[in-house]
PDB file of N, CA and C in Angstrom:
ATOM      1  N   UNK A   1       0.982  -1.293  -0.167  1.00  0.00           N
ATOM      2  CA  UNK A   1      -0.119  -0.031  -0.159  1.00  0.00           C
ATOM      3  C   UNK A   1       0.942   1.099  -0.242  1.00  0.00           C
ATOM      4  N   UNK A   2       0.669   2.104  -0.873  1.00  0.00           N
ATOM      5  CA  UNK A   2       1.396   3.435  -0.966  1.00  0.00           C
ATOM      6  C   UNK A   2       0.658   4.608  -0.060  1.00  0.00           C
ATOM      7  N   UNK A   3       1.345   5.015   0.822  1.00  0.00           N
ATOM      8  CA  UNK A   3       0.831   6.181   1.262  1.00  0.00           C
ATOM      9  C   UNK A   3       1.008   7.450   0.496  1.00  0.00           C
ATOM     10  N   UNK A   4       0.018   8.445   0.190  1.00  0.00           N
ATOM     11  CA  UNK A   4       0.203   9.577  -0.366  1.00  0.00           C
ATOM     12  C   UNK A   4       0.662  10.619   0.400  1.00  0.00           C
ATOM     13  N   UNK A   5       1.582  11.357  -0.306  1.00  0.00           N
ATOM     14  CA  UNK A   5       1.881  12.673   0.579  1.00  0.00           C
ATOM     15  C   UNK A   5       0.660  13.745   0.783  1.00  0.00           C
ATOM     16  N   UNK A   6       0.890  14.402   1.587  1.00  0.00           N
ATOM     17  CA  UNK A   6      -0.062  15.332   1.983  1.00  0.00           C
ATOM     18  C   UNK A   6      -0.397  16.308   0.862  1.00  0.00           C
ATOM     19  N   UNK A   7      -1.646  16.866   0.745  1.00  0.00           N
ATOM     20  CA  UNK A   7      -2.091  18.070  -0.251  1.00  0.00           C
ATOM     21  C   UNK A   7      -1.303  19.194   0.031  1.00  0.00           C
ATOM     22  N   UNK A   8      -0.779  19.488   1.049  1.00  0.00           N
ATOM     23  CA  UNK A   8       0.155  20.695   1.162  1.00  0.00           C
ATOM     24  C   UNK A   8       1.262  20.787   0.355  1.00  0.00           C
ATOM     25  N   UNK A   9       2.081  19.525  -0.091  1.00  0.00           N
ATOM     26  CA  UNK A   9       3.073  19.438  -1.211  1.00  0.00           C
ATOM     27  C   UNK A   9       4.183  18.946   0.084  1.00  0.00           C
ATOM     28  N   UNK A  10       4.206  18.604   1.079  1.00  0.00           N
ATOM     29  CA  UNK A  10       5.126  18.104   2.036  1.00  0.00           C
ATOM     30  C   UNK A  10       5.115  16.499   1.898  1.00  0.00           C
ATOM     31  N   UNK A  11       6.222  15.726   1.908  1.00  0.00           N
ATOM     32  CA  UNK A  11       6.178  14.218   1.752  1.00  0.00           C
ATOM     33  C   UNK A  11       5.502  13.405   2.580  1.00  0.00           C
ATOM     34  N   UNK A  12       5.003  14.043   4.038  1.00  0.00           N
ATOM     35  CA  UNK A  12       4.628  13.205   4.924  1.00  0.00           C
ATOM     36  C   UNK A  12       3.102  12.841   4.491  1.00  0.00           C
ATOM     37  N   UNK A  13       2.489  11.957   5.041  1.00  0.00           N
ATOM     38  CA  UNK A  13       1.120  11.343   4.846  1.00  0.00           C
ATOM     39  C   UNK A  13       0.319  12.609   5.550  1.00  0.00           C
ATOM     40  N   UNK A  14      -1.102  12.486   4.974  1.00  0.00           N
ATOM     41  CA  UNK A  14      -1.759  13.845   5.476  1.00  0.00           C
ATOM     42  C   UNK A  14      -2.129  13.586   7.198  1.00  0.00           C
ATOM     43  N   UNK A  15      -2.277  12.583   7.598  1.00  0.00           N
ATOM     44  CA  UNK A  15      -2.651  12.253   8.916  1.00  0.00           C
ATOM     45  C   UNK A  15      -1.301  12.779   9.755  1.00  0.00           C
ATOM     46  N   UNK A  16      -0.185  12.623   9.366  1.00  0.00           N
ATOM     47  CA  UNK A  16       0.973  13.004  10.120  1.00  0.00           C
ATOM     48  C   UNK A  16       1.509  14.582   9.786  1.00  0.00           C
ATOM     49  N   UNK A  17       0.979  14.949   8.872  1.00  0.00           N
ATOM     50  CA  UNK A  17       1.120  16.460   8.530  1.00  0.00           C
ATOM     51  C   UNK A  17      -0.164  17.503   8.971  1.00  0.00           C
ATOM     52  N   UNK A  18      -0.743  17.754   7.783  1.00  0.00           N
ATOM     53  CA  UNK A  18      -1.937  18.847   8.270  1.00  0.00           C
ATOM     54  C   UNK A  18      -3.063  18.138   9.069  1.00  0.00           C
ATOM     55  N   UNK A  19      -3.201  16.897   8.806  1.00  0.00           N
ATOM     56  CA  UNK A  19      -4.144  16.124   9.365  1.00  0.00           C
ATOM     57  C   UNK A  19      -4.277  16.358  11.092  1.00  0.00           C
ATOM     58  N   UNK A  20      -2.964  16.572  11.469  1.00  0.00           N
ATOM     59  CA  UNK A  20      -3.057  16.598  12.975  1.00  0.00           C
ATOM     60  C   UNK A  20      -3.494  18.070  13.297  1.00  0.00           C
ATOM     61  N   UNK A  21      -3.010  19.015  12.504  1.00  0.00           N
ATOM     62  CA  UNK A  21      -3.721  20.317  12.941  1.00  0.00           C
ATOM     63  C   UNK A  21      -5.318  20.311  12.752  1.00  0.00           C
ATOM     64  N   UNK A  22      -5.575  19.732  11.656  1.00  0.00           N
ATOM     65  CA  UNK A  22      -7.049  19.783  11.330  1.00  0.00           C
ATOM     66  C   UNK A  22      -8.015  19.044  12.545  1.00  0.00           C
ATOM     67  N   UNK A  23      -7.483  18.147  13.041  1.00  0.00           N
ATOM     68  CA  UNK A  23      -8.097  17.317  14.156  1.00  0.00           C
ATOM     69  C   UNK A  23      -8.001  18.023  15.332  1.00  0.00           C
ATOM     70  N   UNK A  24      -7.226  18.960  15.510  1.00  0.00           N
ATOM     71  CA  UNK A  24      -6.877  19.633  16.886  1.00  0.00           C
ATOM     72  C   UNK A  24      -5.764  19.014  17.645  1.00  0.00           C
ATOM     73  N   UNK A  25      -5.163  17.644  17.243  1.00  0.00           N
ATOM     74  CA  UNK A  25      -4.132  17.054  17.907  1.00  0.00           C
ATOM     75  C   UNK A  25      -2.532  17.768  18.213  1.00  0.00           C
ATOM     76  N   UNK A  26      -2.660  18.869  17.288  1.00  0.00           N
ATOM     77  CA  UNK A  26      -1.636  19.703  17.438  1.00  0.00           C
ATOM     78  C   UNK A  26      -1.880  20.931  16.847  1.00  0.00           C
ATOM     79  N   UNK A  27      -1.061  22.127  17.070  1.00  0.00           N
ATOM     80  CA  UNK A  27      -1.260  23.420  16.513  1.00  0.00           C
ATOM     81  C   UNK A  27       0.181  23.698  15.596  1.00  0.00           C
ATOM     82  N   UNK A  28      -0.627  24.602  14.457  1.00  0.00           N
ATOM     83  CA  UNK A  28       0.846  24.758  13.533  1.00  0.00           C
ATOM     84  C   UNK A  28       1.848  25.558  14.235  1.00  0.00           C
ATOM     85  N   UNK A  29       2.945  25.140  14.154  1.00  0.00           N
ATOM     86  CA  UNK A  29       4.003  25.733  14.985  1.00  0.00           C
ATOM     87  C   UNK A  29       4.587  27.162  14.308  1.00  0.00           C
ATOM     88  N   UNK A  30       4.241  27.320  13.214  1.00  0.00           N
ATOM     89  CA  UNK A  30       4.942  28.454  12.308  1.00  0.00           C
ATOM     90  C   UNK A  30       3.823  29.089  11.291  1.00  0.00           C
ATOM     91  N   UNK A  31       3.968  30.293  10.821  1.00  0.00           N
ATOM     92  CA  UNK A  31       3.087  30.788  10.204  1.00  0.00           C
ATOM     93  C   UNK A  31       3.064  30.035   8.484  1.00  0.00           C
ATOM     94  N   UNK A  32       4.201  29.218   8.138  1.00  0.00           N
ATOM     95  CA  UNK A  32       4.048  28.839   7.202  1.00  0.00           C
ATOM     96  C   UNK A  32       3.291  27.547   7.113  1.00  0.00           C
ATOM     97  N   UNK A  33       3.313  26.753   8.311  1.00  0.00           N
ATOM     98  CA  UNK A  33       2.655  25.313   8.516  1.00  0.00           C
ATOM     99  C   UNK A  33       1.239  25.706   8.573  1.00  0.00           C
ATOM    100  N   UNK A  34       0.722  26.742   9.442  1.00  0.00           N
ATOM    101  CA  UNK A  34      -0.587  27.255   9.159  1.00  0.00           C
ATOM    102  C   UNK A  34      -1.066  27.538   8.018  1.00  0.00           C
ATOM    103  N   UNK A  35      -0.236  28.283   6.816  1.00  0.00           N
ATOM    104  CA  UNK A  35      -0.822  28.439   5.665  1.00  0.00           C
ATOM    105  C   UNK A  35      -1.043  26.963   4.798  1.00  0.00           C
ATOM    106  N   UNK A  36       0.143  26.303   5.034  1.00  0.00           N
ATOM    107  CA  UNK A  36      -0.052  25.037   4.188  1.00  0.00           C
ATOM    108  C   UNK A  36      -1.165  24.117   4.916  1.00  0.00           C
ATOM    109  N   UNK A  37      -1.670  24.164   6.178  1.00  0.00           N
ATOM    110  CA  UNK A  37      -2.671  23.469   6.803  1.00  0.00           C
ATOM    111  C   UNK A  37      -4.139  24.273   6.283  1.00  0.00           C
ATOM    112  N   UNK A  38      -4.032  25.642   6.012  1.00  0.00           N
ATOM    113  CA  UNK A  38      -5.191  26.089   5.539  1.00  0.00           C
ATOM    114  C   UNK A  38      -5.508  25.695   3.927  1.00  0.00           C
ATOM    115  N   UNK A  39      -4.479  25.691   3.099  1.00  0.00           N
ATOM    116  CA  UNK A  39      -4.438  25.236   1.947  1.00  0.00           C
ATOM    117  C   UNK A  39      -4.897  23.737   1.726  1.00  0.00           C
ATOM    118  N   UNK A  40      -4.685  23.101   2.839  1.00  0.00           N
ATOM    119  CA  UNK A  40      -4.836  21.640   2.719  1.00  0.00           C
ATOM    120  C   UNK A  40      -6.462  21.577   3.373  1.00  0.00           C
ATOM    121  N   UNK A  41      -6.849  22.434   4.055  1.00  0.00           N
ATOM    122  CA  UNK A  41      -8.354  22.639   4.533  1.00  0.00           C
ATOM    123  C   UNK A  41      -9.319  22.859   3.193  1.00  0.00           C
ATOM    124  N   UNK A  42      -8.611  23.781   2.521  1.00  0.00           N
ATOM    125  CA  UNK A  42      -9.481  24.270   1.236  1.00  0.00           C
ATOM    126  C   UNK A  42      -9.552  22.837   0.464  1.00  0.00           C
ATOM    127  N   UNK A  43      -8.366  22.152   0.142  1.00  0.00           N
ATOM    128  CA  UNK A  43      -8.587  20.933  -0.606  1.00  0.00           C
ATOM    129  C   UNK A  43      -9.783  19.968  -0.100  1.00  0.00           C
ATOM    130  N   UNK A  44      -9.642  19.976   1.404  1.00  0.00           N
ATOM    131  CA  UNK A  44     -10.388  19.067   1.791  1.00  0.00           C
ATOM    132  C   UNK A  44     -11.868  19.563   2.108  1.00  0.00           C
ATOM    133  N   UNK A  45     -12.193  20.611   2.333  1.00  0.00           N
ATOM    134  CA  UNK A  45     -13.420  21.355   2.079  1.00  0.00           C
ATOM    135  C   UNK A  45     -13.912  21.586   3.725  1.00  0.00           C
ATOM    136  N   UNK A  46     -12.598  21.910   4.286  1.00  0.00           N
ATOM    137  CA  UNK A  46     -12.701  21.751   5.746  1.00  0.00           C
ATOM    138  C   UNK A  46     -13.150  23.233   6.463  1.00  0.00           C
ATOM    139  N   UNK A  47     -14.554  23.803   5.829  1.00  0.00           N
ATOM    140  CA  UNK A  47     -14.615  25.257   6.387  1.00  0.00           C
ATOM    141  C   UNK A  47     -14.683  25.573   7.822  1.00  0.00           C
ATOM    142  N   UNK A  48     -14.812  24.629   8.869  1.00  0.00           N
ATOM    143  CA  UNK A  48     -14.583  24.984   9.991  1.00  0.00           C
ATOM    144  C   UNK A  48     -13.350  25.179  10.621  1.00  0.00           C
ATOM    145  N   UNK A  49     -12.426  24.655  10.159  1.00  0.00           N
ATOM    146  CA  UNK A  49     -10.984  24.687  10.368  1.00  0.00           C
ATOM    147  C   UNK A  49     -10.474  26.109   9.996  1.00  0.00           C
ATOM    148  N   UNK A  50     -10.862  26.343   8.659  1.00  0.00           N
ATOM    149  CA  UNK A  50     -10.546  27.810   8.196  1.00  0.00           C
ATOM    150  C   UNK A  50     -11.057  29.048   8.901  1.00  0.00           C
ATOM    151  N   UNK A  51     -12.173  28.714   9.476  1.00  0.00           N
ATOM    152  CA  UNK A  51     -12.898  29.687  10.353  1.00  0.00           C
ATOM    153  C   UNK A  51     -12.084  29.653  11.799  1.00  0.00           C
ATOM    154  N   UNK A  52     -11.769  28.770  12.194  1.00  0.00           N
ATOM    155  CA  UNK A  52     -11.183  28.306  13.723  1.00  0.00           C
ATOM    156  C   UNK A  52      -9.792  29.091  13.557  1.00  0.00           C
ATOM    157  N   UNK A  53      -9.236  29.049  12.208  1.00  0.00           N
ATOM    158  CA  UNK A  53      -7.637  29.472  12.442  1.00  0.00           C
ATOM    159  C   UNK A  53      -7.592  30.980  11.276  1.00  0.00           C
ATOM    160  N   UNK A  54      -8.794  31.852  11.383  1.00  0.00           N
ATOM    161  CA  UNK A  54      -8.939  32.863  10.989  1.00  0.00           C
ATOM    162  C   UNK A  54      -9.089  34.159  12.264  1.00  0.00           C
ATOM    163  N   UNK A  55      -8.104  35.050  12.161  1.00  0.00           N
ATOM    164  CA  UNK A  55      -8.210  36.095  13.035  1.00  0.00           C
ATOM    165  C   UNK A  55      -9.630  36.666  13.560  1.00  0.00           C
ATOM    166  N   UNK A  56      -9.950  36.676  14.712  1.00  0.00           N
ATOM    167  CA  UNK A  56     -11.267  37.328  15.054  1.00  0.00           C
ATOM    168  C   UNK A  56     -11.610  38.309  14.615  1.00  0.00           C
ATOM    169  N   UNK A  57     -10.556  39.515  14.313  1.00  0.00           N
ATOM    170  CA  UNK A  57     -10.798  40.832  13.951  1.00  0.00           C
ATOM    171  C   UNK A  57     -11.281  40.738  12.500  1.00  0.00           C
ATOM    172  N   UNK A  58     -10.605  39.810  11.568  1.00  0.00           N
ATOM    173  CA  UNK A  58     -11.062  39.589  10.133  1.00  0.00           C
ATOM    174  C   UNK A  58     -11.871  38.353   9.729  1.00  0.00           C
ATOM    175  N   UNK A  59     -12.208  37.826  10.652  1.00  0.00           N
ATOM    176  CA  UNK A  59     -12.844  36.486  10.315  1.00  0.00           C
ATOM    177  C   UNK A  59     -14.403  36.666   9.568  1.00  0.00           C
ATOM    178  N   UNK A  60     -14.680  36.057   8.589  1.00  0.00           N
ATOM    179  CA  UNK A  60     -16.371  36.334   8.173  1.00  0.00           C
ATOM    180  C   UNK A  60     -17.027  35.190   9.126  1.00  0.00           C
ATOM    181  N   UNK A  61     -18.533  35.871   9.130  1.00  0.00           N
ATOM    182  CA  UNK A  61     -19.561  35.087   9.775  1.00  0.00           C
ATOM    183  C   UNK A  61     -19.552  33.887   9.545  1.00  0.00           C
ATOM    184  N   UNK A  62     -19.524  33.455   8.148  1.00  0.00           N
ATOM    185  CA  UNK A  62     -19.562  32.275   7.441  1.00  0.00           C
ATOM    186  C   UNK A  62     -18.752  32.095   6.252  1.00  0.00           C
ATOM    187  N   UNK A  63     -18.466  30.740   5.822  1.00  0.00           N
ATOM    188  CA  UNK A  63     -17.569  30.583   4.868  1.00  0.00           C
ATOM    189  C   UNK A  63     -18.241  29.449   3.908  1.00  0.00           C
ATOM    190  N   UNK A  64     -18.445  29.853   2.701  1.00  0.00           N
ATOM    191  CA  UNK A  64     -18.951  28.756   1.796  1.00  0.00           C
ATOM    192  C   UNK A  64     -18.117  28.312   0.802  1.00  0.00           C
ATOM    193  N   UNK A  65     -17.691  27.102   0.670  1.00  0.00           N
ATOM    194  CA  UNK A  65     -16.853  26.542   0.058  1.00  0.00           C
ATOM    195  C   UNK A  65     -17.387  25.955  -1.364  1.00  0.00           C
ATOM    196  N   UNK A  66     -16.753  26.168  -2.548  1.00  0.00           N
ATOM    197  CA  UNK A  66     -17.330  25.763  -3.687  1.00  0.00           C
ATOM    198  C   UNK A  66     -16.871  24.295  -3.809  1.00  0.00           C
ATOM    199  N   UNK A  67     -17.839  23.597  -3.783  1.00  0.00           N
ATOM    200  CA  UNK A  67     -17.433  21.876  -3.835  1.00  0.00           C
ATOM    201  C   UNK A  67     -16.940  21.332  -5.084  1.00  0.00           C
ATOM    202  N   UNK A  68     -16.713  22.165  -5.940  1.00  0.00           N
ATOM    203  CA  UNK A  68     -16.861  22.036  -7.304  1.00  0.00           C
ATOM    204  C   UNK A  68     -15.340  22.324  -7.545  1.00  0.00           C
ATOM    205  N   UNK A  69     -14.471  23.148  -6.851  1.00  0.00           N
ATOM    206  CA  UNK A  69     -13.184  23.710  -6.718  1.00  0.00           C
ATOM    207  C   UNK A  69     -12.259  22.639  -6.708  1.00  0.00           C
ATOM    208  N   UNK A  70     -11.414  22.315  -7.470  1.00  0.00           N
ATOM    209  CA  UNK A  70     -10.382  21.316  -7.325  1.00  0.00           C
ATOM    210  C   UNK A  70      -9.015  22.179  -7.418  1.00  0.00           C
ATOM    211  N   UNK A  71      -8.362  21.984  -6.154  1.00  0.00           N
ATOM    212  CA  UNK A  71      -7.160  22.441  -5.749  1.00  0.00           C
ATOM    213  C   UNK A  71      -6.036  21.365  -6.133  1.00  0.00           C
ATOM    214  N   UNK A  72      -4.847  21.970  -7.100  1.00  0.00           N
ATOM    215  CA  UNK A  72      -4.029  21.123  -7.742  1.00  0.00           C
ATOM    216  C   UNK A  72      -2.543  20.907  -7.277  1.00  0.00           C
ATOM    217  N   UNK A  73      -2.258  22.303  -6.210  1.00  0.00           N
ATOM    218  CA  UNK A  73      -0.792  22.170  -5.729  1.00  0.00           C
ATOM    219  C   UNK A  73      -0.792  23.308  -5.373  1.00  0.00           C
ATOM    220  N   UNK A  74       0.401  23.374  -4.237  1.00  0.00           N
ATOM    221  CA  UNK A  74       0.742  24.602  -3.461  1.00  0.00           C
ATOM    222  C   UNK A  74       2.343  24.786  -3.776  1.00  0.00           C
ATOM    223  N   UNK A  75       2.554  26.055  -3.983  1.00  0.00           N
ATOM    224  CA  UNK A  75       4.035  26.468  -4.123  1.00  0.00           C
ATOM    225  C   UNK A  75       4.574  27.781  -3.194  1.00  0.00           C
ATOM    226  N   UNK A  76       5.192  27.565  -2.121  1.00  0.00           N
ATOM    227  CA  UNK A  76       5.597  28.583  -1.332  1.00  0.00           C
ATOM    228  C   UNK A  76       6.559  29.494  -1.891  1.00  0.00           C
ATOM    229  N   UNK A  77       6.551  30.781  -1.992  1.00  0.00           N
ATOM    230  CA  UNK A  77       7.431  31.578  -2.797  1.00  0.00           C
ATOM    231  C   UNK A  77       8.191  32.480  -2.116  1.00  0.00           C
ATOM    232  N   UNK A  78       7.648  32.475  -0.727  1.00  0.00           N
ATOM    233  CA  UNK A  78       8.888  33.202   0.432  1.00  0.00           C
ATOM    234  C   UNK A  78       7.894  33.452   1.512  1.00  0.00           C
ATOM    235  N   UNK A  79       8.777  33.515   2.582  1.00  0.00           N
ATOM    236  CA  UNK A  79       8.045  33.618   4.161  1.00  0.00           C
ATOM    237  C   UNK A  79       8.982  34.968   4.693  1.00  0.00           C
ATOM    238  N   UNK A  80       8.257  35.432   5.727  1.00  0.00           N
ATOM    239  CA  UNK A  80       8.895  36.677   6.554  1.00  0.00           C
ATOM    240  C   UNK A  80       8.281  36.478   7.658  1.00  0.00           C
ATOM    241  N   UNK A  81       9.378  36.405   8.811  1.00  0.00           N
ATOM    242  CA  UNK A  81       8.843  36.065  10.088  1.00  0.00           C
ATOM    243  C   UNK A  81       8.173  34.751  10.153  1.00  0.00           C
ATOM    244  N   UNK A  82       7.480  34.695  11.321  1.00  0.00           N
ATOM    245  CA  UNK A  82       6.385  33.455  11.265  1.00  0.00           C
ATOM    246  C   UNK A  82       7.104  32.154  12.065  1.00  0.00           C
ATOM    247  N   UNK A  83       8.147  32.757  12.767  1.00  0.00           N
ATOM    248  CA  UNK A  83       8.641  31.515  13.178  1.00  0.00           C
ATOM    249  C   UNK A  83       8.111  31.439  14.666  1.00  0.00           C
ATOM    250  N   UNK A  84       8.721  30.557  15.293  1.00  0.00           N
ATOM    251  CA  UNK A  84       8.393  29.934  16.948  1.00  0.00           C
ATOM    252  C   UNK A  84       8.935  31.306  17.731  1.00  0.00           C
ATOM    253  N   UNK A  85       9.852  32.331  17.230  1.00  0.00           N
ATOM    254  CA  UNK A  85      10.316  33.505  17.812  1.00  0.00           C
ATOM    255  C   UNK A  85       9.547  34.482  17.472  1.00  0.00           C
ATOM    256  N   UNK A  86       8.568  34.435  16.518  1.00  0.00           N
ATOM    257  CA  UNK A  86       7.976  35.870  16.095  1.00  0.00           C
ATOM    258  C   UNK A  86       6.492  35.788  16.348  1.00  0.00           C
ATOM    259  N   UNK A  87       5.739  37.170  16.346  1.00  0.00           N
ATOM    260  CA  UNK A  87       4.364  37.477  16.698  1.00  0.00           C
ATOM    261  C   UNK A  87       3.694  37.460  15.530  1.00  0.00           C
ATOM    262  N   UNK A  88       4.380  37.746  14.294  1.00  0.00           N
ATOM    263  CA  UNK A  88       3.524  37.995  13.099  1.00  0.00           C
ATOM    264  C   UNK A  88       4.531  37.401  12.172  1.00  0.00           C
ATOM    265  N   UNK A  89       3.879  37.035  10.981  1.00  0.00           N
ATOM    266  CA  UNK A  89       4.448  36.771   9.692  1.00  0.00           C
ATOM    267  C   UNK A  89       4.001  36.735   8.461  1.00  0.00           C
ATOM    268  N   UNK A  90       4.571  36.699   7.223  1.00  0.00           N
ATOM    269  CA  UNK A  90       3.819  36.601   6.093  1.00  0.00           C
ATOM    270  C   UNK A  90       4.538  35.231   5.354  1.00  0.00           C
ATOM    271  N   UNK A  91       3.552  34.946   4.477  1.00  0.00           N
ATOM    272  CA  UNK A  91       3.912  33.751   3.563  1.00  0.00           C
ATOM    273  C   UNK A  91       3.341  34.253   2.135  1.00  0.00           C
ATOM    274  N   UNK A  92       4.052  34.074   1.322  1.00  0.00           N
ATOM    275  CA  UNK A  92       3.575  34.417  -0.193  1.00  0.00           C
ATOM    276  C   UNK A  92       3.724  33.122  -0.942  1.00  0.00           C
ATOM    277  N   UNK A  93       2.559  32.789  -1.570  1.00  0.00           N
ATOM    278  CA  UNK A  93       2.126  31.523  -2.258  1.00  0.00           C
ATOM    279  C   UNK A  93       1.719  31.674  -3.436  1.00  0.00           C
ATOM    280  N   UNK A  94       1.614  30.356  -4.119  1.00  0.00           N
ATOM    281  CA  UNK A  94       0.939  30.273  -5.536  1.00  0.00           C
ATOM    282  C   UNK A  94       0.209  29.002  -5.094  1.00  0.00           C
ATOM    283  N   UNK A  95      -1.263  29.095  -5.190  1.00  0.00           N
ATOM    284  CA  UNK A  95      -2.085  28.005  -4.905  1.00  0.00           C
ATOM    285  C   UNK A  95      -2.834  27.432  -6.415  1.00  0.00           C
ATOM    286  N   UNK A  96      -2.295  26.524  -7.200  1.00  0.00           N
ATOM    287  CA  UNK A  96      -3.139  26.201  -8.320  1.00  0.00           C
ATOM    288  C   UNK A  96      -4.535  25.392  -8.128  1.00  0.00           C
ATOM    289  N   UNK A  97      -5.051  25.661  -9.194  1.00  0.00           N
ATOM    290  CA  UNK A  97      -6.599  24.992  -9.181  1.00  0.00           C
ATOM    291  C   UNK A  97      -6.590  24.621 -10.459  1.00  0.00           C
ATOM    292  N   UNK A  98      -7.686  23.555 -11.063  1.00  0.00           N
ATOM    293  CA  UNK A  98      -7.939  23.294 -11.926  1.00  0.00           C
ATOM    294  C   UNK A  98      -8.450  24.423 -12.920  1.00  0.00           C
ATOM    295  N   UNK A  99      -7.749  25.133 -13.994  1.00  0.00           N
ATOM    296  CA  UNK A  99      -8.218  26.177 -14.687  1.00  0.00           C
ATOM    297  C   UNK A  99      -7.444  27.649 -14.343  1.00  0.00           C
ATOM    298  N   UNK A 100      -6.293  27.544 -13.272  1.00  0.00           N
ATOM    299  CA  UNK A 100      -5.806  28.694 -12.884  1.00  0.00           C
ATOM    300  C   UNK A 100      -5.065  28.699 -11.694  1.00  0.00           C
ATOM    301  N   UNK A 101      -4.649  29.879 -11.107  1.00  0.00           N
ATOM    302  CA  UNK A 101      -4.014  29.757 -10.073  1.00  0.00           C
ATOM    303  C   UNK A 101      -4.218  31.326  -9.147  1.00  0.00           C
ATOM    304  N   UNK A 102      -4.044  31.099  -7.806  1.00  0.00           N
ATOM    305  CA  UNK A 102      -4.059  32.334  -7.023  1.00  0.00           C
ATOM    306  C   UNK A 102      -2.490  32.736  -6.552  1.00  0.00           C
ATOM    307  N   UNK A 103      -2.211  33.672  -6.712  1.00  0.00           N
ATOM    308  CA  UNK A 103      -0.972  34.277  -5.897  1.00  0.00           C
ATOM    309  C   UNK A 103      -1.374  35.262  -4.852  1.00  0.00           C
ATOM    310  N   UNK A 104      -0.961  34.916  -3.769  1.00  0.00           N
ATOM    311  CA  UNK A 104      -1.272  35.843  -2.531  1.00  0.00           C
ATOM    312  C   UNK A 104      -0.229  35.796  -1.716  1.00  0.00           C
ATOM    313  N   UNK A 105      -0.052  36.983  -0.786  1.00  0.00           N
ATOM    314  CA  UNK A 105       0.665  37.358   0.310  1.00  0.00           C
ATOM    315  C   UNK A 105       0.107  37.387   1.584  1.00  0.00           C
ATOM    316  N   UNK A 106       0.089  36.416   2.237  1.00  0.00           N
ATOM    317  CA  UNK A 106      -0.947  36.295   3.665  1.00  0.00           C
ATOM    318  C   UNK A 106      -0.171  36.698   4.608  1.00  0.00           C
ATOM    319  N   UNK A 107      -0.881  37.429   5.591  1.00  0.00           N
ATOM    320  CA  UNK A 107      -0.400  37.677   6.766  1.00  0.00           C
ATOM    321  C   UNK A 107      -0.988  36.903   8.089  1.00  0.00           C
ATOM    322  N   UNK A 108      -0.104  36.788   8.906  1.00  0.00           N
ATOM    323  CA  UNK A 108      -0.594  35.796  10.020  1.00  0.00           C
ATOM    324  C   UNK A 108      -0.254  36.368  11.335  1.00  0.00           C
ATOM    325  N   UNK A 109      -1.037  36.460  12.398  1.00  0.00           N
ATOM    326  CA  UNK A 109      -0.393  36.645  13.695  1.00  0.00           C
ATOM    327  C   UNK A 109      -0.927  35.723  14.518  1.00  0.00           C
ATOM    328  N   UNK A 110      -0.058  35.720  15.794  1.00  0.00           N
ATOM    329  CA  UNK A 110      -0.198  34.980  17.027  1.00  0.00           C
ATOM    330  C   UNK A 110      -1.686  35.555  17.929  1.00  0.00           C
ATOM    331  N   UNK A 111      -2.372  34.784  18.245  1.00  0.00           N
ATOM    332  CA  UNK A 111      -3.530  34.914  19.340  1.00  0.00           C
ATOM    333  C   UNK A 111      -3.668  34.210  20.206  1.00  0.00           C
ATOM    334  N   UNK A 112      -3.279  34.704  21.548  1.00  0.00           N
ATOM    335  CA  UNK A 112      -3.138  33.439  22.647  1.00  0.00           C
ATOM    336  C   UNK A 112      -2.123  32.360  22.173  1.00  0.00           C
ATOM    337  N   UNK A 113      -0.954  32.855  21.523  1.00  0.00           N
ATOM    338  CA  UNK A 113       0.071  31.839  21.341  1.00  0.00           C
ATOM    339  C   UNK A 113      -0.210  30.835  20.019  1.00  0.00           C
ATOM    340  N   UNK A 114      -1.373  30.781  19.384  1.00  0.00           N
ATOM    341  CA  UNK A 114      -1.863  30.156  18.179  1.00  0.00           C
ATOM    342  C   UNK A 114      -1.656  31.173  16.742  1.00  0.00           C
ATOM    343  N   UNK A 115      -0.883  30.525  15.982  1.00  0.00           N
ATOM    344  CA  UNK A 115      -1.214  31.259  14.574  1.00  0.00           C
ATOM    345  C   UNK A 115      -2.397  31.377  13.982  1.00  0.00           C
ATOM    346  N   UNK A 116      -2.694  32.367  13.443  1.00  0.00           N
ATOM    347  CA  UNK A 116      -4.119  32.926  12.676  1.00  0.00           C
ATOM    348  C   UNK A 116      -3.712  33.388  11.689  1.00  0.00           C
ATOM    349  N   UNK A 117      -4.586  33.344  10.658  1.00  0.00           N
ATOM    350  CA  UNK A 117      -4.539  34.237   9.281  1.00  0.00           C
ATOM    351  C   UNK A 117      -5.391  35.443   9.671  1.00  0.00           C
ATOM    352  N   UNK A 118      -4.660  36.505   9.056  1.00  0.00           N
ATOM    353  CA  UNK A 118      -5.081  37.706   9.269  1.00  0.00           C
ATOM    354  C   UNK A 118      -5.822  38.129   7.835  1.00  0.00           C
ATOM    355  N   UNK A 119      -5.113  38.337   6.855  1.00  0.00           N
ATOM    356  CA  UNK A 119      -5.635  38.596   5.612  1.00  0.00           C
ATOM    357  C   UNK A 119      -4.687  38.541   4.489  1.00  0.00           C
ATOM    358  N   UNK A 120      -5.033  38.863   3.361  1.00  0.00           N
ATOM    359  CA  UNK A 120      -3.971  38.580   2.113  1.00  0.00           C
ATOM    360  C   UNK A 120      -4.150  39.558   1.290  1.00  0.00           C
ATOM    361  N   UNK A 121      -2.908  39.881   0.538  1.00  0.00           N
ATOM    362  CA  UNK A 121      -3.032  40.874  -0.425  1.00  0.00           C
ATOM    363  C   UNK A 121      -2.501  40.137  -2.146  1.00  0.00           C
ATOM    364  N   UNK A 122      -2.835  40.504  -2.921  1.00  0.00           N
ATOM    365  CA  UNK A 122      -2.397  39.813  -4.520  1.00  0.00           C
ATOM    366  C   UNK A 122      -1.460  40.665  -5.318  1.00  0.00           C
ATOM    367  N   UNK A 123      -0.360  40.459  -4.972  1.00  0.00           N
ATOM    368  CA  UNK A 123       0.943  41.162  -5.838  1.00  0.00           C
ATOM    369  C   UNK A 123       0.684  41.119  -7.166  1.00  0.00           C
ATOM    370  N   UNK A 124       1.125  42.125  -7.569  1.00  0.00           N
ATOM    371  CA  UNK A 124       1.189  42.437  -9.142  1.00  0.00           C
ATOM    372  C   UNK A 124       1.860  41.627  -9.825  1.00  0.00           C
TER     373      UNK A 124
END
């Protein structure tokens, strides 16, 4: 039996990678790990996780995910801050989907010690 790597692009199986964050067994230790887990939540259609990891200041009341959306890959283009020693960070990435891609520079902050997504901008 072949184990597939996590949808976030890292070689570990989903359960050992983003799955442990989705289940609540662990918290993402860096802004990049949270960003990867959020991408994976989009792949899996886990709106609850996306809302739980969104900053209370910018979180929408509800989140409707398109069940027809097929995410096909994630490429990390750059990071700033976001380690265990930081309280804020950015992750620039390209997320591919069937028919196109999304290029975003996301901002993250720590709230009560946990990384959360604040917002994103779309670089030119």
